[in-house]
N, C-alpha and C. Protein backbone atom coordinates (compact mmCIF):
# COMPACT_ATOMS: atom_id res chain seq x y z
N MET A 1 41.51 46.80 -36.44
CA MET A 1 41.25 46.03 -35.03
C MET A 1 42.72 46.09 -34.44
N GLN A 2 43.00 46.41 -33.19
CA GLN A 2 44.15 46.44 -32.52
C GLN A 2 44.39 45.14 -32.10
N GLN A 3 45.56 44.74 -32.15
CA GLN A 3 45.80 43.15 -31.54
C GLN A 3 46.22 43.47 -30.46
N LEU A 4 45.74 42.56 -29.25
CA LEU A 4 46.34 42.35 -28.09
C LEU A 4 47.42 41.57 -28.08
N HIS A 5 48.39 41.73 -27.07
CA HIS A 5 49.44 40.78 -26.77
C HIS A 5 49.42 40.63 -25.20
N THR A 6 49.41 39.41 -24.99
CA THR A 6 49.09 39.05 -23.40
C THR A 6 50.02 37.91 -23.31
N PRO A 7 50.86 37.80 -21.92
CA PRO A 7 51.73 36.66 -21.36
C PRO A 7 50.67 35.82 -20.77
N HIS A 8 49.43 35.80 -20.85
CA HIS A 8 48.57 35.00 -20.13
C HIS A 8 48.55 33.63 -21.24
N VAL A 9 48.48 32.30 -20.46
CA VAL A 9 48.23 31.29 -20.90
C VAL A 9 46.50 30.89 -20.61
N VAL A 10 45.79 31.39 -21.52
CA VAL A 10 44.15 31.14 -21.49
C VAL A 10 43.84 29.56 -21.66
N VAL A 11 43.03 29.20 -20.78
CA VAL A 11 42.19 27.66 -20.87
C VAL A 11 40.77 28.21 -21.23
N VAL A 12 40.18 27.84 -22.34
CA VAL A 12 38.89 28.23 -22.66
C VAL A 12 38.31 26.99 -22.30
N MET A 13 37.45 27.09 -21.18
CA MET A 13 36.53 25.97 -20.59
C MET A 13 35.18 26.01 -20.75
N GLY A 14 34.53 24.75 -20.47
CA GLY A 14 32.85 24.71 -20.46
C GLY A 14 32.34 23.65 -20.73
N VAL A 15 31.39 23.31 -20.82
CA VAL A 15 30.74 21.88 -21.10
C VAL A 15 30.60 21.98 -22.81
N ALA A 16 30.77 20.60 -23.36
CA ALA A 16 30.65 20.22 -24.64
C ALA A 16 29.67 21.30 -25.37
N GLY A 17 29.78 21.74 -26.71
CA GLY A 17 29.04 22.54 -27.13
C GLY A 17 28.91 24.01 -26.83
N THR A 18 29.86 24.49 -26.33
CA THR A 18 29.80 26.13 -25.72
C THR A 18 30.73 26.70 -26.64
N GLY A 19 31.26 25.90 -27.55
CA GLY A 19 32.13 26.77 -28.69
C GLY A 19 33.25 26.72 -28.38
N LYS A 20 34.18 25.96 -27.45
CA LYS A 20 35.79 26.13 -27.30
C LYS A 20 36.53 25.90 -28.34
N THR A 21 36.04 25.12 -29.40
CA THR A 21 36.76 24.88 -30.55
C THR A 21 36.75 26.07 -31.28
N THR A 22 35.76 26.64 -31.39
CA THR A 22 35.40 27.70 -32.11
C THR A 22 35.94 29.11 -31.80
N ILE A 23 35.74 29.56 -30.33
CA ILE A 23 36.42 30.64 -29.72
C ILE A 23 37.65 30.63 -29.32
N GLY A 24 38.19 29.18 -29.07
CA GLY A 24 39.74 29.37 -28.91
C GLY A 24 40.44 29.96 -29.82
N PRO A 25 40.62 29.44 -31.32
CA PRO A 25 41.23 30.00 -32.23
C PRO A 25 41.02 31.48 -32.32
N LEU A 26 39.67 31.96 -32.39
CA LEU A 26 39.54 33.42 -32.60
C LEU A 26 40.05 33.86 -31.43
N LEU A 27 40.08 33.71 -30.28
CA LEU A 27 40.52 34.33 -28.89
C LEU A 27 42.41 34.58 -29.28
N ALA A 28 42.79 33.39 -29.51
CA ALA A 28 44.03 33.13 -29.84
C ALA A 28 44.69 34.14 -30.97
N ALA A 29 44.04 34.20 -31.94
CA ALA A 29 43.94 35.18 -32.88
C ALA A 29 44.10 36.64 -32.64
N ARG A 30 43.00 36.95 -31.73
CA ARG A 30 42.75 38.23 -31.01
C ARG A 30 44.03 38.76 -30.26
N LEU A 31 44.78 37.93 -29.67
CA LEU A 31 45.51 37.94 -28.53
C LEU A 31 47.14 37.93 -29.09
N GLY A 32 47.13 37.22 -30.27
CA GLY A 32 48.37 36.95 -30.96
C GLY A 32 49.25 35.95 -30.45
N VAL A 33 48.54 34.94 -30.07
CA VAL A 33 49.50 33.93 -29.26
C VAL A 33 48.84 32.42 -30.31
N PRO A 34 49.57 31.35 -30.00
CA PRO A 34 49.21 30.11 -30.46
C PRO A 34 47.95 29.58 -29.76
N TYR A 35 47.36 28.72 -30.85
CA TYR A 35 46.00 27.91 -30.02
C TYR A 35 46.42 26.23 -30.11
N ALA A 36 45.82 25.80 -29.02
CA ALA A 36 46.19 24.18 -29.20
C ALA A 36 44.76 23.80 -28.70
N GLU A 37 44.32 22.76 -29.37
CA GLU A 37 42.95 22.05 -29.46
C GLU A 37 43.19 20.87 -28.48
N GLY A 38 42.40 21.62 -27.23
CA GLY A 38 42.32 20.39 -26.30
C GLY A 38 41.91 18.94 -26.59
N ASP A 39 41.12 18.60 -27.29
CA ASP A 39 40.83 17.32 -27.84
C ASP A 39 42.09 16.50 -28.32
N ASP A 40 42.96 17.34 -28.95
CA ASP A 40 43.94 16.77 -29.40
C ASP A 40 45.13 16.17 -28.28
N PHE A 41 44.71 16.37 -27.40
CA PHE A 41 45.76 15.84 -26.24
C PHE A 41 45.25 14.71 -25.67
N HIS A 42 43.80 14.24 -26.11
CA HIS A 42 43.20 12.85 -25.62
C HIS A 42 43.96 11.75 -25.84
N PRO A 43 44.37 10.83 -25.11
CA PRO A 43 44.50 9.44 -25.55
C PRO A 43 43.40 8.64 -26.23
N PRO A 44 43.94 7.90 -27.41
CA PRO A 44 43.03 7.15 -28.18
C PRO A 44 41.90 6.49 -27.37
N ALA A 45 42.26 6.13 -26.06
CA ALA A 45 41.31 5.35 -25.53
C ALA A 45 40.11 6.26 -24.83
N ASN A 46 40.18 7.46 -24.60
CA ASN A 46 39.68 8.34 -24.21
C ASN A 46 38.56 8.73 -25.30
N ILE A 47 38.84 8.96 -26.39
CA ILE A 47 37.95 9.20 -27.87
C ILE A 47 37.14 8.06 -27.80
N ALA A 48 37.77 6.93 -27.72
CA ALA A 48 36.57 5.60 -27.93
C ALA A 48 35.90 5.82 -27.15
N LYS A 49 36.15 5.85 -25.94
CA LYS A 49 35.22 5.70 -24.87
C LYS A 49 33.99 6.98 -25.09
N MET A 50 34.10 8.14 -25.45
CA MET A 50 33.29 9.36 -25.59
C MET A 50 32.63 9.05 -26.83
N THR A 51 33.18 8.40 -27.85
CA THR A 51 32.38 8.03 -29.05
C THR A 51 31.56 7.10 -28.66
N ALA A 52 31.66 6.12 -27.96
CA ALA A 52 30.66 4.91 -27.38
C ALA A 52 29.59 5.74 -26.46
N GLY A 53 29.76 7.18 -26.18
CA GLY A 53 28.68 7.58 -25.21
C GLY A 53 29.15 7.20 -23.87
N THR A 54 30.10 6.94 -23.43
CA THR A 54 30.59 6.68 -22.04
C THR A 54 31.30 7.99 -21.48
N PRO A 55 30.71 8.45 -20.38
CA PRO A 55 31.75 9.58 -19.86
C PRO A 55 33.04 9.09 -19.49
N LEU A 56 34.03 9.77 -19.44
CA LEU A 56 35.18 9.82 -18.57
C LEU A 56 35.04 9.76 -17.49
N THR A 57 36.23 8.91 -16.62
CA THR A 57 36.21 9.07 -15.29
C THR A 57 37.60 9.91 -15.11
N ASP A 58 37.73 10.38 -13.82
CA ASP A 58 38.72 11.02 -13.26
C ASP A 58 39.94 10.64 -13.62
N GLU A 59 40.02 9.20 -13.69
CA GLU A 59 41.25 8.53 -13.67
C GLU A 59 41.70 8.58 -15.26
N ASP A 60 40.77 8.45 -16.22
CA ASP A 60 40.86 8.72 -17.70
C ASP A 60 41.24 10.28 -18.00
N ARG A 61 41.09 11.20 -17.07
CA ARG A 61 41.32 12.67 -17.50
C ARG A 61 42.67 12.75 -16.95
N TRP A 62 43.22 12.26 -15.93
CA TRP A 62 44.35 12.86 -15.36
C TRP A 62 45.54 12.99 -16.60
N PRO A 63 45.90 11.74 -17.42
CA PRO A 63 46.87 11.92 -18.13
C PRO A 63 46.34 13.47 -19.20
N TRP A 64 45.44 13.22 -19.75
CA TRP A 64 44.92 14.24 -20.60
C TRP A 64 45.35 15.94 -20.00
N LEU A 65 44.70 15.93 -18.98
CA LEU A 65 44.94 17.06 -18.10
C LEU A 65 46.60 17.46 -18.06
N ASP A 66 47.38 16.47 -17.65
CA ASP A 66 48.76 16.52 -17.54
C ASP A 66 49.30 16.97 -18.80
N ALA A 67 48.87 16.47 -19.91
CA ALA A 67 49.52 16.97 -21.44
C ALA A 67 49.12 18.34 -21.65
N ILE A 68 47.70 19.01 -21.28
CA ILE A 68 47.47 20.24 -21.36
C ILE A 68 48.29 20.88 -20.61
N GLY A 69 48.16 20.45 -19.33
CA GLY A 69 49.06 21.39 -18.30
C GLY A 69 50.68 21.55 -18.97
N GLY A 70 51.28 20.72 -19.45
CA GLY A 70 52.48 20.61 -20.01
C GLY A 70 52.42 21.49 -21.09
N TRP A 71 51.56 21.62 -21.96
CA TRP A 71 51.65 22.41 -23.06
C TRP A 71 51.55 23.84 -22.35
N ALA A 72 50.68 24.29 -21.56
CA ALA A 72 50.31 25.49 -20.79
C ALA A 72 51.84 25.77 -20.25
N HIS A 73 52.62 25.03 -19.32
CA HIS A 73 53.70 25.26 -18.79
C HIS A 73 54.71 25.76 -19.65
N GLY A 74 54.79 25.07 -21.14
CA GLY A 74 55.72 25.50 -22.01
C GLY A 74 55.50 26.72 -22.47
N ARG A 75 54.23 27.43 -22.35
CA ARG A 75 53.94 28.61 -23.24
C ARG A 75 53.90 29.68 -21.94
N ALA A 76 54.34 29.51 -20.68
CA ALA A 76 54.33 30.28 -19.54
C ALA A 76 55.26 31.86 -20.07
N GLY A 77 54.74 32.88 -19.98
CA GLY A 77 55.30 33.82 -20.27
C GLY A 77 55.34 34.46 -21.65
N LEU A 78 54.77 33.56 -22.50
CA LEU A 78 54.91 33.55 -23.82
C LEU A 78 53.41 33.78 -24.28
N GLY A 79 52.43 33.19 -23.60
CA GLY A 79 50.86 33.38 -24.08
C GLY A 79 50.28 32.17 -24.88
N GLY A 80 49.46 31.61 -24.85
CA GLY A 80 48.99 30.94 -25.61
C GLY A 80 47.54 30.67 -25.06
N VAL A 81 46.43 29.78 -25.99
CA VAL A 81 45.15 29.52 -25.71
C VAL A 81 45.01 28.26 -25.70
N VAL A 82 44.41 27.57 -25.03
CA VAL A 82 44.02 25.91 -25.12
C VAL A 82 42.67 25.81 -24.81
N SER A 83 42.16 24.83 -25.37
CA SER A 83 40.60 24.37 -25.31
C SER A 83 40.95 23.18 -24.21
N SER A 84 39.99 23.14 -23.03
CA SER A 84 39.57 21.96 -22.19
C SER A 84 38.36 22.37 -21.42
N SER A 85 37.60 21.30 -21.33
CA SER A 85 36.25 21.29 -20.56
C SER A 85 36.59 21.96 -19.15
N ALA A 86 37.52 21.43 -18.39
CA ALA A 86 38.12 21.82 -17.31
C ALA A 86 36.81 22.13 -16.03
N LEU A 87 35.93 21.19 -16.17
CA LEU A 87 34.48 21.13 -15.60
C LEU A 87 34.48 20.94 -14.26
N LYS A 88 35.73 20.35 -13.43
CA LYS A 88 35.69 20.28 -11.87
C LYS A 88 36.83 21.16 -11.58
N ARG A 89 36.81 21.68 -10.37
CA ARG A 89 37.83 22.36 -9.71
C ARG A 89 39.07 21.51 -9.38
N SER A 90 38.88 20.35 -9.23
CA SER A 90 39.91 19.47 -9.10
C SER A 90 40.80 19.43 -10.65
N TYR A 91 40.09 19.61 -11.86
CA TYR A 91 40.75 19.43 -13.00
C TYR A 91 41.22 20.74 -13.09
N ARG A 92 40.89 21.83 -12.77
CA ARG A 92 41.56 23.14 -12.74
C ARG A 92 42.77 23.43 -12.06
N ASP A 93 42.57 22.57 -10.78
CA ASP A 93 43.71 22.83 -9.86
C ASP A 93 44.75 21.65 -10.42
N ARG A 94 44.60 20.88 -11.07
CA ARG A 94 45.50 19.94 -11.64
C ARG A 94 46.23 20.83 -12.85
N LEU A 95 45.60 21.49 -13.54
CA LEU A 95 46.11 22.38 -14.78
C LEU A 95 47.38 23.47 -13.95
N ARG A 96 46.52 24.08 -13.03
CA ARG A 96 47.34 25.23 -12.30
C ARG A 96 48.64 24.58 -11.85
N ALA A 97 48.41 23.40 -11.43
CA ALA A 97 49.88 22.90 -10.53
C ALA A 97 51.02 22.64 -11.82
N ALA A 98 50.60 22.16 -12.90
CA ALA A 98 51.24 22.13 -14.00
C ALA A 98 51.91 23.40 -14.51
N ALA A 99 50.87 24.56 -14.39
CA ALA A 99 51.16 26.00 -15.23
C ALA A 99 50.50 26.94 -14.03
N PRO A 100 50.94 27.46 -13.26
CA PRO A 100 50.52 28.22 -12.04
C PRO A 100 49.84 29.39 -12.84
N GLY A 101 50.33 30.01 -13.85
CA GLY A 101 49.79 31.30 -14.37
C GLY A 101 48.50 31.21 -15.04
N VAL A 102 48.02 30.00 -15.41
CA VAL A 102 46.80 29.97 -16.36
C VAL A 102 45.79 30.60 -15.69
N VAL A 103 44.77 30.89 -16.78
CA VAL A 103 43.64 31.81 -16.64
C VAL A 103 42.52 31.08 -17.40
N PHE A 104 41.17 31.10 -16.86
CA PHE A 104 40.25 30.41 -17.32
C PHE A 104 39.22 31.27 -18.10
N VAL A 105 38.71 31.12 -19.29
CA VAL A 105 37.47 31.67 -19.82
C VAL A 105 36.58 30.78 -19.92
N HIS A 106 35.47 30.72 -18.99
CA HIS A 106 34.43 29.87 -18.74
C HIS A 106 33.19 30.46 -19.61
N LEU A 107 33.12 29.46 -20.89
CA LEU A 107 32.13 29.86 -21.77
C LEU A 107 30.80 29.27 -21.31
N THR A 108 29.86 29.87 -20.71
CA THR A 108 28.48 29.75 -20.30
C THR A 108 27.48 29.94 -21.24
N GLY A 109 26.13 29.32 -21.02
CA GLY A 109 24.96 29.26 -21.49
C GLY A 109 23.99 28.58 -21.17
N SER A 110 22.71 28.57 -21.61
CA SER A 110 21.71 27.68 -21.28
C SER A 110 21.89 26.47 -21.50
N ARG A 111 21.04 25.28 -21.10
CA ARG A 111 21.22 23.68 -21.51
C ARG A 111 20.53 23.80 -23.05
N GLU A 112 19.63 24.47 -23.11
CA GLU A 112 18.68 24.87 -24.28
C GLU A 112 19.63 25.18 -25.42
N LEU A 113 20.32 26.43 -25.40
CA LEU A 113 20.87 26.78 -26.37
C LEU A 113 22.10 25.91 -26.78
N ILE A 114 23.04 25.51 -25.89
CA ILE A 114 23.93 24.56 -26.16
C ILE A 114 23.63 23.21 -26.74
N GLY A 115 22.45 22.70 -26.23
CA GLY A 115 21.89 21.60 -26.83
C GLY A 115 21.56 21.94 -27.92
N ASP A 116 21.08 22.83 -28.44
CA ASP A 116 20.56 23.14 -29.80
C ASP A 116 21.88 23.33 -30.94
N ARG A 117 22.89 24.15 -30.23
CA ARG A 117 24.05 23.95 -31.37
C ARG A 117 24.66 22.62 -31.41
N MET A 118 24.87 21.88 -30.16
CA MET A 118 25.29 20.42 -30.24
C MET A 118 24.61 19.82 -31.20
N SER A 119 23.18 19.83 -31.62
CA SER A 119 22.30 18.71 -32.51
C SER A 119 22.83 19.42 -34.08
N HIS A 120 23.38 20.39 -34.06
CA HIS A 120 23.82 20.85 -35.40
C HIS A 120 25.32 20.61 -35.78
N ARG A 121 26.10 20.03 -34.96
CA ARG A 121 27.50 19.93 -35.40
C ARG A 121 27.69 18.67 -35.98
N GLN A 122 28.67 18.69 -36.86
CA GLN A 122 29.09 17.67 -37.89
C GLN A 122 30.66 16.99 -37.30
N GLY A 123 30.51 15.78 -37.30
CA GLY A 123 31.55 14.99 -37.22
C GLY A 123 32.48 15.15 -35.86
N HIS A 124 31.72 15.68 -34.83
CA HIS A 124 32.46 15.62 -33.34
C HIS A 124 32.23 14.28 -32.61
N PHE A 125 33.10 13.72 -31.90
CA PHE A 125 32.87 12.57 -31.10
C PHE A 125 32.16 12.52 -29.67
N MET A 126 31.50 13.85 -29.44
CA MET A 126 30.89 14.14 -27.99
C MET A 126 29.37 13.95 -28.53
N PRO A 127 28.77 12.88 -27.95
CA PRO A 127 27.39 12.85 -28.34
C PRO A 127 26.59 13.99 -27.64
N THR A 128 25.28 14.49 -28.10
CA THR A 128 24.46 15.36 -27.19
C THR A 128 24.16 14.70 -25.90
N ALA A 129 23.88 13.32 -25.97
CA ALA A 129 23.55 12.60 -24.68
C ALA A 129 24.25 12.81 -23.41
N LEU A 130 25.54 12.98 -23.91
CA LEU A 130 26.56 13.37 -22.67
C LEU A 130 26.33 15.07 -22.17
N LEU A 131 25.51 15.63 -22.69
CA LEU A 131 25.59 16.91 -22.30
C LEU A 131 25.09 16.99 -20.98
N ASP A 132 24.13 16.60 -20.48
CA ASP A 132 23.31 16.34 -19.26
C ASP A 132 24.54 15.97 -17.90
N SER A 133 25.20 14.95 -18.45
CA SER A 133 26.20 14.56 -17.48
C SER A 133 27.47 15.58 -17.25
N GLN A 134 27.72 16.33 -18.18
CA GLN A 134 28.51 17.82 -18.12
C GLN A 134 27.85 18.83 -17.39
N PHE A 135 26.61 18.93 -17.45
CA PHE A 135 26.26 19.83 -16.71
C PHE A 135 26.16 19.58 -15.29
N ALA A 136 25.86 18.46 -15.07
CA ALA A 136 26.00 17.81 -13.70
C ALA A 136 27.32 17.73 -13.07
N THR A 137 28.11 17.47 -13.85
CA THR A 137 29.63 17.71 -13.52
C THR A 137 30.36 19.19 -13.19
N LEU A 138 29.83 19.99 -13.92
CA LEU A 138 30.42 21.24 -13.98
C LEU A 138 30.41 22.17 -12.30
N GLN A 139 31.58 22.57 -12.21
CA GLN A 139 31.69 23.28 -11.08
C GLN A 139 32.31 24.63 -11.53
N PRO A 140 31.08 25.54 -11.73
CA PRO A 140 31.70 27.02 -12.01
C PRO A 140 33.11 27.56 -11.26
N LEU A 141 33.59 28.55 -12.10
CA LEU A 141 34.68 29.17 -11.51
C LEU A 141 34.56 29.74 -10.17
N GLN A 142 35.56 29.39 -9.07
CA GLN A 142 35.15 29.85 -7.87
C GLN A 142 35.93 31.34 -7.77
N PRO A 143 35.51 32.35 -6.84
CA PRO A 143 36.09 33.47 -6.59
C PRO A 143 37.61 33.93 -6.53
N ASP A 144 38.21 32.59 -5.93
CA ASP A 144 39.61 32.53 -5.72
C ASP A 144 40.39 32.15 -7.10
N GLU A 145 39.63 31.72 -8.20
CA GLU A 145 40.45 31.09 -9.30
C GLU A 145 40.28 32.38 -10.26
N ALA A 146 41.50 32.51 -10.83
CA ALA A 146 41.77 33.57 -12.13
C ALA A 146 40.99 33.02 -13.24
N GLY A 147 40.12 33.97 -13.60
CA GLY A 147 39.24 33.78 -14.92
C GLY A 147 37.84 34.59 -14.94
N VAL A 148 37.41 34.39 -16.15
CA VAL A 148 35.96 34.95 -16.20
C VAL A 148 35.21 34.01 -16.84
N ALA A 149 33.96 34.36 -16.71
CA ALA A 149 32.87 33.79 -17.40
C ALA A 149 32.41 34.81 -18.51
N VAL A 150 32.18 34.01 -19.68
CA VAL A 150 31.73 34.85 -20.90
C VAL A 150 30.31 34.03 -21.27
N ASP A 151 29.48 34.83 -21.48
CA ASP A 151 28.09 34.11 -22.01
C ASP A 151 28.33 33.99 -23.54
N VAL A 152 27.82 32.71 -23.95
CA VAL A 152 27.96 32.24 -25.36
C VAL A 152 27.03 32.61 -26.42
N ALA A 153 25.84 33.60 -26.02
CA ALA A 153 24.92 33.99 -26.79
C ALA A 153 25.65 35.10 -27.67
N GLY A 154 25.14 35.00 -29.04
CA GLY A 154 25.45 35.60 -29.97
C GLY A 154 26.57 35.11 -30.97
N THR A 155 27.06 35.70 -32.13
CA THR A 155 28.08 35.06 -32.76
C THR A 155 29.39 34.94 -32.06
N PRO A 156 30.14 34.00 -32.91
CA PRO A 156 31.66 33.77 -32.47
C PRO A 156 32.34 35.14 -32.10
N GLU A 157 32.23 35.89 -33.09
CA GLU A 157 32.89 37.40 -33.04
C GLU A 157 32.58 38.00 -31.78
N GLU A 158 31.32 38.13 -31.46
CA GLU A 158 30.78 38.72 -30.33
C GLU A 158 31.47 38.26 -28.91
N ILE A 159 31.24 36.75 -29.15
CA ILE A 159 31.78 35.99 -27.88
C ILE A 159 33.05 36.34 -27.66
N THR A 160 34.09 36.18 -28.58
CA THR A 160 35.16 36.55 -28.29
C THR A 160 35.59 37.96 -28.05
N GLU A 161 35.17 38.87 -28.59
CA GLU A 161 35.12 40.35 -28.00
C GLU A 161 34.67 40.43 -26.57
N ARG A 162 33.75 39.79 -25.95
CA ARG A 162 33.53 39.74 -24.61
C ARG A 162 34.72 39.15 -23.83
N ALA A 163 35.17 38.11 -24.23
CA ALA A 163 36.41 37.32 -23.59
C ALA A 163 37.59 38.19 -23.66
N VAL A 164 37.91 38.87 -24.85
CA VAL A 164 38.89 39.71 -24.67
C VAL A 164 38.90 40.87 -23.76
N ASP A 165 37.82 41.56 -23.74
CA ASP A 165 37.47 42.66 -22.75
C ASP A 165 37.49 42.24 -21.54
N ALA A 166 36.98 41.16 -21.06
CA ALA A 166 36.78 40.42 -19.67
C ALA A 166 38.25 40.18 -19.35
N LEU A 167 39.22 39.74 -20.10
CA LEU A 167 40.47 39.29 -19.90
C LEU A 167 41.39 40.42 -19.48
N LYS A 168 41.12 41.72 -20.07
CA LYS A 168 41.93 43.05 -19.80
C LYS A 168 41.67 43.40 -18.40
N ASP A 169 40.73 42.78 -17.50
CA ASP A 169 40.59 43.19 -16.11
C ASP A 169 41.17 42.15 -15.19
N LEU A 170 41.99 41.15 -15.75
CA LEU A 170 42.67 40.28 -14.89
C LEU A 170 43.82 40.90 -14.61
N PRO A 171 44.73 40.68 -13.32
CA PRO A 171 45.76 41.00 -13.08
C PRO A 171 47.16 40.32 -13.99
N GLU A 172 48.24 40.72 -13.92
CA GLU A 172 49.31 40.25 -14.56
C GLU A 172 49.31 38.65 -14.26
N PRO A 173 49.76 37.65 -15.35
CA PRO A 173 50.07 36.47 -14.75
C PRO A 173 51.16 36.29 -13.68
N VAL A 174 51.03 34.82 -12.73
CA VAL A 174 51.92 34.44 -11.95
C VAL A 174 53.17 33.89 -12.46
N ARG A 175 54.12 34.16 -12.02
CA ARG A 175 55.50 33.51 -12.80
C ARG A 175 56.03 32.53 -12.20
């Protein structure tokens, strides 16, 4: 299998349960770039709120998004993959403000499929009960946003290949 090299910094986005933490490392390996787990950028207070089933506010998310944006900025021209739900346009705008060249891979799927997958996860702090609030918050990528939507049906390898193929069609990143 040919390994691709890309200067893109890719944000793998989507609601909880779409497979960001599974697809992100696979995509990074396929692209030959490092992967950063977006959840690792959350301050402890955010994790405590989510564990308790309390949705985060925008104010809770700004420092988290700024930390992810800082990582992405540091990878500009080098490439990288990071996971982040990035559900709202304002969140993606915040990431782009820090790292103008980022592109998004929006993992998409039905509420039923994603809910089923979440119900089988072990040891994750995001309860299935928050999934409906995530779908309610989700603002899909707009035509003026650099990125692609990738269906999460199938195996992780199939999803990763769809993402790689879709990214090939994107223009070179902004510097």
